[in-house]
Amino acid sequence: MGNSVLEVGEPVHIITRRLFDGDVRRHFTGRVTAAANDLVRAEGWVFVFNRGTNEFIRRSERRTRVFALTDAGNIVNVLPSGVEPANLRYEFSETGLLITDGIDFAVDINEFGPAT
């Protein structure tokens, strides 16, 4: 395929920005399976925010999604190569919301929390 800033096999965490206050909060974790110019195909899992329990719930079925890297609605985080997207989960910490594998990878994704 064509040139892309992402490579096949790279693990990614993608946040889809909400346009309105009531929009569903969706996040995606997976691996890039194809990349061409500004399009990326990734296979992985969708996390949806549950307002009742105040937590992100991972959907059990694996999904294949296509993302446009030029879409301002997507925040794409490239994860370290050793991170396994199937093991990622959300946890709260004193600094905010983390996405972690529970082993040695954790990233604070709370954009409005205190910097560490």
Protein backbone atom coordinates (compact mmCIF):
# COMPACT_ATOMS: atom_id res chain seq x y z
CA MET A 1 0.00 0.00 0.00
CA GLY A 2 0.99 3.68 -0.05
CA ASN A 3 2.98 5.76 2.38
CA SER A 4 1.68 6.18 5.91
CA VAL A 5 3.02 7.35 9.25
CA LEU A 6 1.74 4.10 10.79
CA GLU A 7 3.07 0.65 9.98
CA VAL A 8 1.35 -2.72 9.83
CA GLY A 9 1.60 -4.40 13.22
CA GLU A 10 1.85 -1.24 15.31
CA PRO A 11 -0.43 -1.17 18.36
CA VAL A 12 -2.70 1.88 18.58
CA HIS A 13 -5.15 3.49 20.97
CA ILE A 14 -7.67 5.72 19.21
CA ILE A 15 -10.09 8.08 20.90
CA THR A 16 -13.09 9.27 18.90
CA ARG A 17 -13.91 12.81 20.02
CA ARG A 18 -17.46 13.56 21.03
CA LEU A 19 -19.16 16.28 19.04
CA PHE A 20 -21.94 16.85 21.58
CA ASP A 21 -22.21 16.35 25.33
CA GLY A 22 -24.57 13.37 24.99
CA ASP A 23 -22.50 11.51 22.39
CA VAL A 24 -21.26 8.05 23.28
CA ARG A 25 -17.62 8.02 24.37
CA ARG A 26 -15.80 5.44 22.21
CA HIS A 27 -12.20 4.32 22.32
CA PHE A 28 -10.44 1.66 20.27
CA THR A 29 -7.34 -0.44 20.92
CA GLY A 30 -5.81 -2.72 18.35
CA ARG A 31 -3.10 -3.32 15.78
CA VAL A 32 -2.72 -1.73 12.37
CA THR A 33 -3.45 -4.32 9.65
CA ALA A 34 -3.12 -1.97 6.65
CA ALA A 35 -2.10 1.64 6.10
CA ALA A 36 -2.23 3.81 3.00
CA ASN A 37 -1.61 7.55 3.05
CA ASP A 38 -4.09 8.94 5.59
CA LEU A 39 -6.19 5.78 6.06
CA VAL A 40 -5.54 3.04 8.58
CA ARG A 41 -7.29 -0.29 8.99
CA ALA A 42 -6.96 -1.76 12.48
CA GLU A 43 -8.24 -4.85 14.18
CA GLY A 44 -9.01 -4.80 17.89
CA TRP A 45 -11.56 -3.88 20.52
CA VAL A 46 -13.98 -1.05 21.15
CA PHE A 47 -14.39 0.45 24.62
CA VAL A 48 -17.62 2.33 25.35
CA PHE A 49 -18.20 4.53 28.38
CA ASN A 50 -21.02 3.34 30.63
CA ARG A 51 -22.51 6.36 32.43
CA GLY A 52 -24.28 4.14 34.97
CA THR A 53 -21.07 2.57 36.28
CA ASN A 54 -18.80 5.49 35.31
CA GLU A 55 -16.32 3.22 33.53
CA PHE A 56 -15.19 2.14 30.07
CA ILE A 57 -16.44 -1.32 29.13
CA ARG A 58 -14.63 -3.36 26.49
CA ARG A 59 -16.93 -4.99 23.96
CA SER A 60 -16.18 -8.70 23.74
CA GLU A 61 -16.21 -9.06 19.96
CA ARG A 62 -13.16 -8.19 17.90
CA ARG A 63 -13.73 -5.45 15.33
CA THR A 64 -12.06 -4.21 12.18
CA ARG A 65 -12.23 -0.44 11.86
CA VAL A 66 -10.96 2.09 9.34
CA PHE A 67 -9.74 5.47 10.60
CA ALA A 68 -8.72 8.59 8.72
CA LEU A 69 -5.58 10.06 10.25
CA THR A 70 -6.58 13.50 8.94
CA ASP A 71 -9.94 13.42 10.75
CA ALA A 72 -9.77 15.88 13.66
CA GLY A 73 -12.29 13.66 15.43
CA ASN A 74 -9.67 10.95 15.97
CA ILE A 75 -6.91 11.16 18.54
CA VAL A 76 -4.40 8.45 17.62
CA ASN A 77 -1.89 7.25 20.20
CA VAL A 78 0.84 4.94 18.90
CA LEU A 79 1.69 2.47 21.65
CA PRO A 80 5.06 0.84 22.34
CA SER A 81 5.64 -2.22 20.15
CA GLY A 82 5.62 -4.65 23.10
CA VAL A 83 2.12 -3.67 24.25
CA GLU A 84 -0.54 -6.29 23.55
CA PRO A 85 -3.85 -4.50 22.80
CA ALA A 86 -5.87 -7.55 23.96
CA ASN A 87 -4.55 -6.97 27.51
CA LEU A 88 -5.41 -3.26 27.77
CA ARG A 89 -7.93 -2.01 30.29
CA TYR A 90 -8.88 1.25 31.99
CA GLU A 91 -8.10 2.12 35.59
CA PHE A 92 -8.50 5.24 37.69
CA SER A 93 -5.46 6.63 39.49
CA GLU A 94 -4.81 9.72 41.58
CA THR A 95 -3.88 11.59 38.38
CA GLY A 96 -6.87 10.50 36.31
CA LEU A 97 -7.87 7.79 33.88
CA LEU A 98 -5.17 5.36 32.72
CA ILE A 99 -5.07 2.80 29.98
CA THR A 100 -2.81 -0.03 31.10
CA ASP A 101 -1.85 -3.62 30.43
CA GLY A 102 -1.47 -4.17 34.18
CA ILE A 103 2.17 -5.17 33.73
CA ASP A 104 4.55 -2.40 32.72
CA PHE A 105 2.58 -0.10 30.41
CA ALA A 106 0.30 2.70 31.56
CA VAL A 107 -0.64 6.04 30.01
CA ASP A 108 -2.71 8.79 31.56
CA ILE A 109 -5.38 9.76 29.02
CA ASN A 110 -7.07 12.42 31.13
CA GLU A 111 -6.30 15.53 29.08
CA PHE A 112 -7.62 17.87 31.77
CA GLY A 113 -5.94 16.34 34.81
CA PRO A 114 -2.72 17.46 36.47
CA ALA A 115 0.52 16.85 34.59
CA THR A 116 2.86 14.30 36.13
